[in-house]
């Protein structure tokens, strides 16, 4: 949350200074963003993914409270398979109108409504793929894990392909719709490689570990500000006569610098001030017998 509060404030200030929308409208979106109200619209569209993440964590919290954490693997597997099958059926129905015609309205409602997104019907296969990659790499290979990971992988690939085709239809410039799915595939392979080769890369990096870690920490604030701050910087610079590609490069540099300031300075300081408050809250909550186990530092046994 500290990064959300900081980056949302930066976006609010940029949009307000640029007079991109009325103050009352910006203020409403800004306040919704600070607490991550799940329904659109926020100060920046990228915050939708954080609302989906919070609902996922909410499901995990529900398992903990119900003392069913041992069923986490099954729970995530069901979410992933259902999400993948829904995505596959929806995509097939687009290319073959006669297929799944009877449930086509339901599939469209799922893909064009914000509520199914929160319940992971659309993106659950991506969460599940990450979880099952972890299980396969750290807990061992089994036929069930491989099967679920494969279904989720197909669902994630098809979802990326569909989103790419949908976005290509909304812009006036030619886009290769196969490029985003290939990038996603490469990213998944890099995640696997980074886990499998982590110790060797860590030893090889030596003194570069700190800077590399900082680059990783910068990706989160960069994700939160790149569209609003970046787009505003490009627009302002280009309107003042800066060539568009030079304006783009300067805007990228501004976003990277802002991300470094947030990751290296602003967020750590805010966390430092919040830590005593959170510890006091944990102390109060920990006195309740029903939820005290949630605040234990021991890691629950993995399934």
Protein backbone atom coordinates (compact mmCIF):
# COMPACT_ATOMS: atom_id res chain seq x y z
CA UNK A 1 0.00 0.00 0.00
CA UNK A 2 2.68 2.62 0.67
CA UNK A 3 3.63 2.59 -3.01
CA UNK A 4 -0.03 2.88 -3.99
CA UNK A 5 -0.50 5.96 -1.82
CA UNK A 6 2.68 7.59 -3.14
CA UNK A 7 2.20 6.78 -6.83
CA UNK A 8 -1.52 7.63 -6.80
CA UNK A 9 -0.64 11.02 -5.29
CA UNK A 10 1.96 11.61 -8.01
CA UNK A 11 -0.58 10.69 -10.71
CA UNK A 12 -3.22 12.91 -9.10
CA UNK A 13 -0.81 15.87 -9.01
CA UNK A 14 0.24 15.35 -12.65
CA UNK A 15 -3.33 15.07 -13.92
CA UNK A 16 -4.41 18.08 -11.85
CA UNK A 17 -1.49 20.22 -13.02
CA UNK A 18 -2.15 19.27 -16.63
CA UNK A 19 -5.87 20.02 -16.30
CA UNK A 20 -6.70 16.63 -17.80
CA UNK A 21 -10.03 16.35 -15.93
CA UNK A 22 -12.20 18.38 -13.51
CA UNK A 23 -10.93 18.51 -9.93
CA UNK A 24 -14.02 16.82 -8.46
CA UNK A 25 -13.70 13.89 -10.86
CA UNK A 26 -9.96 13.50 -10.22
CA UNK A 27 -10.46 13.73 -6.46
CA UNK A 28 -13.11 10.98 -6.54
CA UNK A 29 -10.87 8.68 -8.56
CA UNK A 30 -7.91 9.49 -6.32
CA UNK A 31 -9.78 8.62 -3.11
CA UNK A 32 -11.04 5.36 -4.64
CA UNK A 33 -7.46 4.49 -5.55
CA UNK A 34 -6.07 5.15 -2.06
CA UNK A 35 -8.24 2.35 -0.64
CA UNK A 36 -8.40 0.32 -3.88
CA UNK A 37 -12.16 0.30 -4.31
CA UNK A 38 -12.64 -2.66 -6.66
CA UNK A 39 -14.96 -0.99 -9.18
CA UNK A 40 -13.51 1.16 -11.96
CA UNK A 41 -12.57 4.06 -12.18
CA UNK A 42 -9.29 4.83 -10.44
CA UNK A 43 -6.73 7.58 -10.89
CA UNK A 44 -5.00 5.27 -13.38
CA UNK A 45 -6.37 2.17 -15.07
CA UNK A 46 -3.40 0.02 -14.04
CA UNK A 47 -4.73 -0.25 -10.49
CA UNK A 48 -7.34 -2.80 -11.62
CA UNK A 49 -4.80 -5.61 -11.21
CA UNK A 50 -4.15 -4.73 -7.55
CA UNK A 51 -7.86 -5.06 -6.79
CA UNK A 52 -7.84 -8.53 -8.36
CA UNK A 53 -4.76 -9.42 -6.29
CA UNK A 54 -6.45 -8.31 -3.07
CA UNK A 55 -9.44 -10.55 -3.78
CA UNK A 56 -7.04 -13.45 -4.34
CA UNK A 57 -5.39 -12.75 -0.99
CA UNK A 58 -8.88 -12.53 0.50
CA UNK A 59 -9.56 -16.09 -0.63
CA UNK A 60 -6.32 -17.20 1.04
CA UNK A 61 -7.34 -15.37 4.22
CA UNK A 62 -10.64 -17.24 4.12
CA UNK A 63 -8.78 -20.56 3.97
CA UNK A 64 -6.63 -19.52 6.94
CA UNK A 65 -9.60 -18.46 9.05
CA UNK A 66 -11.41 -21.70 8.17
CA UNK A 67 -8.25 -23.64 9.06
CA UNK A 68 -8.16 -25.11 5.55
CA UNK A 69 -4.75 -23.87 4.43
CA UNK A 70 -3.76 -27.50 3.81
CA UNK A 71 -6.22 -27.46 0.88
CA UNK A 72 -4.55 -24.45 -0.74
CA UNK A 73 -3.12 -26.46 -3.64
CA UNK A 74 -6.51 -27.96 -4.51
CA UNK A 75 -8.24 -24.59 -4.13
CA UNK A 76 -5.85 -22.79 -6.47
CA UNK A 77 -5.94 -25.69 -8.92
CA UNK A 78 -9.75 -25.51 -9.17
CA UNK A 79 -9.63 -21.73 -9.70
CA UNK A 80 -6.97 -22.12 -12.39
CA UNK A 81 -8.72 -24.90 -14.32
CA UNK A 82 -12.12 -23.18 -14.23
CA UNK A 83 -10.56 -19.90 -15.37
CA UNK A 84 -8.62 -21.59 -18.16
CA UNK A 85 -11.66 -23.51 -19.44
CA UNK A 86 -13.82 -20.37 -19.44
CA UNK A 87 -11.11 -18.48 -21.35
CA UNK A 88 -10.67 -21.29 -23.86
CA UNK A 89 -14.42 -21.60 -24.48
CA UNK A 90 -14.77 -17.83 -24.88
CA UNK A 91 -11.92 -17.65 -27.39
CA UNK A 92 -13.20 -20.64 -29.36
CA UNK A 93 -16.68 -19.08 -29.47
CA UNK A 94 -15.20 -15.95 -31.06
CA UNK A 95 -13.64 -17.89 -33.93
CA UNK A 96 -16.42 -20.46 -34.24
CA UNK A 97 -19.78 -18.76 -33.56
CA UNK A 98 -21.67 -22.06 -33.59
CA UNK A 99 -19.49 -23.52 -30.86
CA UNK A 100 -20.69 -22.82 -27.31
CA UNK A 101 -23.44 -20.68 -28.85
CA UNK A 102 -25.87 -21.51 -26.05
CA UNK A 103 -23.56 -20.16 -23.34
CA UNK A 104 -21.98 -17.37 -25.41
CA UNK A 105 -23.93 -14.59 -23.57
CA UNK A 106 -22.68 -15.94 -20.23
CA UNK A 107 -19.09 -16.07 -21.50
CA UNK A 108 -19.34 -12.50 -22.79
CA UNK A 109 -20.75 -11.32 -19.47
CA UNK A 110 -17.83 -12.94 -17.68
CA UNK A 111 -15.23 -11.31 -19.90
CA UNK A 112 -16.76 -7.86 -20.04
CA UNK A 113 -17.81 -7.46 -16.40
CA UNK A 114 -15.60 -6.37 -13.52
CA UNK A 115 -17.14 -8.69 -10.91
CA UNK A 116 -15.97 -11.99 -12.53
CA UNK A 117 -12.48 -10.48 -12.74
CA UNK A 118 -12.43 -10.01 -8.97
CA UNK A 119 -13.45 -13.62 -8.43
CA UNK A 120 -10.56 -14.73 -10.68
CA UNK A 121 -12.78 -16.32 -13.32
CA UNK A 122 -10.84 -14.46 -16.02
CA UNK A 123 -7.32 -14.23 -14.59
CA UNK A 124 -7.27 -17.14 -12.15
CA UNK A 125 -5.29 -19.33 -14.53
CA UNK A 126 -2.39 -16.86 -14.29
CA UNK A 127 -2.37 -16.95 -10.48
CA UNK A 128 -2.64 -20.74 -10.53
CA UNK A 129 0.15 -21.11 -13.09
CA UNK A 130 2.51 -19.18 -10.83
CA UNK A 131 1.51 -21.29 -7.81
CA UNK A 132 1.95 -24.57 -9.67
CA UNK A 133 5.29 -23.55 -11.11
CA UNK A 134 6.40 -23.00 -7.51
CA UNK A 135 5.00 -26.40 -6.46
CA UNK A 136 6.68 -28.19 -9.36
CA UNK A 137 10.04 -26.54 -8.75
CA UNK A 138 10.11 -26.74 -4.94
CA UNK A 139 7.72 -29.51 -3.86
CA UNK A 140 8.20 -32.08 -6.58
CA UNK A 141 6.73 -33.15 -9.90
CA UNK A 142 3.48 -35.10 -10.02
CA UNK A 143 1.10 -35.96 -12.84
CA UNK A 144 -1.70 -33.87 -11.31
CA UNK A 145 0.51 -30.82 -10.89
CA UNK A 146 1.80 -31.12 -14.44
CA UNK A 147 -1.73 -31.49 -15.83
CA UNK A 148 -3.10 -28.48 -13.93
CA UNK A 149 -0.06 -26.35 -14.79
CA UNK A 150 -0.46 -27.30 -18.48
CA UNK A 151 -4.17 -26.38 -18.55
CA UNK A 152 -3.41 -23.06 -16.81
CA UNK A 153 -0.56 -22.40 -19.22
CA UNK A 154 -2.85 -22.91 -22.24
CA UNK A 155 -5.49 -20.71 -20.62
CA UNK A 156 -2.96 -17.94 -19.92
CA UNK A 157 -1.55 -18.10 -23.43
CA UNK A 158 -5.01 -17.94 -25.03
CA UNK A 159 -6.06 -15.08 -22.73
CA UNK A 160 -2.97 -13.10 -23.74
CA UNK A 161 -3.67 -13.82 -27.41
CA UNK A 162 -7.30 -12.69 -27.08
CA UNK A 163 -6.40 -9.48 -25.22
CA UNK A 164 -3.75 -8.70 -27.85
CA UNK A 165 -6.29 -9.16 -30.67
CA UNK A 166 -8.86 -7.06 -28.77
CA UNK A 167 -6.39 -4.21 -28.22
CA UNK A 168 -5.21 -4.36 -31.84
CA UNK A 169 -8.79 -3.75 -32.95
CA UNK A 170 -9.04 -0.58 -30.84
CA UNK A 171 -6.10 1.33 -32.30
CA UNK A 172 -5.50 2.69 -35.78
CA UNK A 173 -1.98 1.34 -36.18
CA UNK A 174 -1.06 -2.17 -37.34
CA UNK A 175 -0.08 -4.53 -34.51
CA UNK A 176 1.19 -8.10 -34.64
CA UNK A 177 -1.22 -9.91 -32.34
CA UNK A 178 1.16 -12.87 -31.95
CA UNK A 179 3.91 -10.73 -30.41
CA UNK A 180 2.36 -10.27 -26.90
CA UNK A 181 1.71 -14.02 -26.39
CA UNK A 182 5.29 -14.77 -27.44
CA UNK A 183 6.57 -12.15 -24.97
CA UNK A 184 4.40 -13.76 -22.27
CA UNK A 185 5.80 -17.19 -23.13
CA UNK A 186 9.37 -15.89 -22.90
CA UNK A 187 8.56 -14.24 -19.56
CA UNK A 188 7.23 -17.53 -18.13
CA UNK A 189 10.39 -19.32 -19.27
CA UNK A 190 12.54 -16.60 -17.71
CA UNK A 191 10.66 -16.98 -14.40
CA UNK A 192 11.40 -20.71 -14.43
CA UNK A 193 15.05 -20.11 -15.35
CA UNK A 194 15.47 -17.42 -12.68
CA UNK A 195 14.23 -19.82 -9.99
CA UNK A 196 16.24 -22.80 -11.23
CA UNK A 197 19.46 -20.78 -11.64
CA UNK A 198 19.02 -18.34 -8.75
CA UNK A 199 21.98 -19.52 -6.65
CA UNK A 200 24.38 -19.47 -9.59
CA UNK A 201 23.24 -16.05 -10.78
CA UNK A 202 23.48 -14.68 -7.22
CA UNK A 203 27.07 -15.91 -6.93
CA UNK A 204 27.95 -14.56 -10.38
CA UNK A 205 26.42 -11.12 -9.71
CA UNK A 206 28.57 -10.43 -6.65
CA UNK A 207 28.54 -6.71 -5.94
CA UNK A 208 25.79 -6.16 -8.52
CA UNK A 209 23.18 -7.88 -6.35
CA UNK A 210 22.15 -4.61 -4.68
CA UNK A 211 21.67 -2.61 -7.90
CA UNK A 212 19.88 -5.55 -9.56
CA UNK A 213 17.54 -5.85 -6.58
CA UNK A 214 16.83 -2.12 -6.76
CA UNK A 215 15.91 -2.48 -10.44
CA UNK A 216 13.46 -5.17 -9.40
CA UNK A 217 11.96 -2.97 -6.67
CA UNK A 218 11.57 -0.15 -9.20
CA UNK A 219 9.29 -2.22 -11.43
CA UNK A 220 6.34 -1.85 -9.03
CA UNK A 221 6.21 1.98 -8.87
CA UNK A 222 7.10 2.07 -12.56
CA UNK A 223 4.03 -0.04 -13.27
CA UNK A 224 1.87 2.33 -11.21
CA UNK A 225 3.03 5.61 -12.80
CA UNK A 226 4.20 4.82 -16.32
CA UNK A 227 0.88 5.41 -18.09
CA UNK A 228 -0.18 8.62 -16.35
CA UNK A 229 3.18 10.30 -15.79
CA UNK A 230 4.69 8.95 -19.00
CA UNK A 231 1.77 9.94 -21.21
CA UNK A 232 1.54 13.40 -19.63
CA UNK A 233 5.28 13.97 -20.10
CA UNK A 234 5.15 12.91 -23.76
CA UNK A 235 2.13 15.13 -24.43
CA UNK A 236 3.57 18.19 -22.70
CA UNK A 237 7.00 17.84 -24.32
CA UNK A 238 5.60 17.19 -27.80
CA UNK A 239 3.19 20.15 -27.54
CA UNK A 240 6.21 22.35 -26.78
CA UNK A 241 7.98 21.31 -29.95
CA UNK A 242 10.09 18.36 -28.81
CA UNK A 243 10.23 15.62 -31.50
CA UNK A 244 8.01 12.71 -30.53
CA UNK A 245 10.70 10.05 -30.18
CA UNK A 246 12.90 12.36 -28.13
CA UNK A 247 9.83 13.21 -26.02
CA UNK A 248 9.28 9.49 -25.51
CA UNK A 249 12.88 8.93 -24.37
CA UNK A 250 12.73 11.89 -21.95
CA UNK A 251 9.40 10.64 -20.58
CA UNK A 252 10.91 7.18 -20.04
CA UNK A 253 13.83 8.75 -18.16
CA UNK A 254 11.40 10.76 -15.99
CA UNK A 255 9.39 7.63 -15.14
CA UNK A 256 12.52 5.64 -14.28
CA UNK A 257 13.85 8.44 -12.08
CA UNK A 258 10.49 8.80 -10.29
CA UNK A 259 10.34 5.02 -9.79
CA UNK A 260 13.83 4.99 -8.28
CA UNK A 261 12.93 7.83 -5.90
CA UNK A 262 9.80 5.96 -4.75
CA UNK A 263 11.55 2.58 -4.37
CA UNK A 264 14.77 3.84 -2.80
CA UNK A 265 13.56 6.70 -0.61
CA UNK A 266 9.87 7.50 -0.27
CA UNK A 267 8.37 4.05 0.24
CA UNK A 268 11.06 2.79 2.71
CA UNK A 269 10.63 5.93 4.83
CA UNK A 270 6.86 5.64 4.86
CA UNK A 271 7.13 1.96 5.79
CA UNK A 272 9.45 2.89 8.64
CA UNK A 273 6.84 5.26 10.06
CA UNK A 274 4.01 2.78 9.56
CA UNK A 275 5.77 -0.19 11.15
CA UNK A 276 5.10 0.82 14.80
CA UNK A 277 1.44 1.41 14.00
CA UNK A 278 1.10 -1.98 12.34
CA UNK A 279 2.89 -3.72 15.21
CA UNK A 280 0.52 -2.11 17.69
CA UNK A 281 -2.42 -3.26 15.56
CA UNK A 282 -1.00 -6.79 15.45
CA UNK A 283 -0.68 -6.73 19.21
CA UNK A 284 -4.36 -5.85 19.60
CA UNK A 285 -5.50 -8.43 17.05
CA UNK A 286 -3.20 -11.09 18.47
CA UNK A 287 -5.06 -11.03 21.76
CA UNK A 288 -8.09 -12.49 20.01
CA UNK A 289 -7.85 -16.28 20.16
CA UNK A 290 -9.65 -16.89 16.85
CA UNK A 291 -7.23 -14.88 14.70
CA UNK A 292 -4.03 -14.98 16.76
CA UNK A 293 -2.65 -17.77 14.57
CA UNK A 294 -2.76 -15.46 11.53
CA UNK A 295 -0.06 -13.29 13.09
CA UNK A 296 2.36 -16.11 13.89
CA UNK A 297 5.69 -15.90 12.13
CA UNK A 298 6.00 -19.64 11.46
CA UNK A 299 5.26 -20.73 7.92
CA UNK A 300 2.31 -23.13 7.55
CA UNK A 301 3.17 -26.53 6.15
CA UNK A 302 2.87 -26.52 2.37
CA UNK A 303 0.52 -29.05 0.77
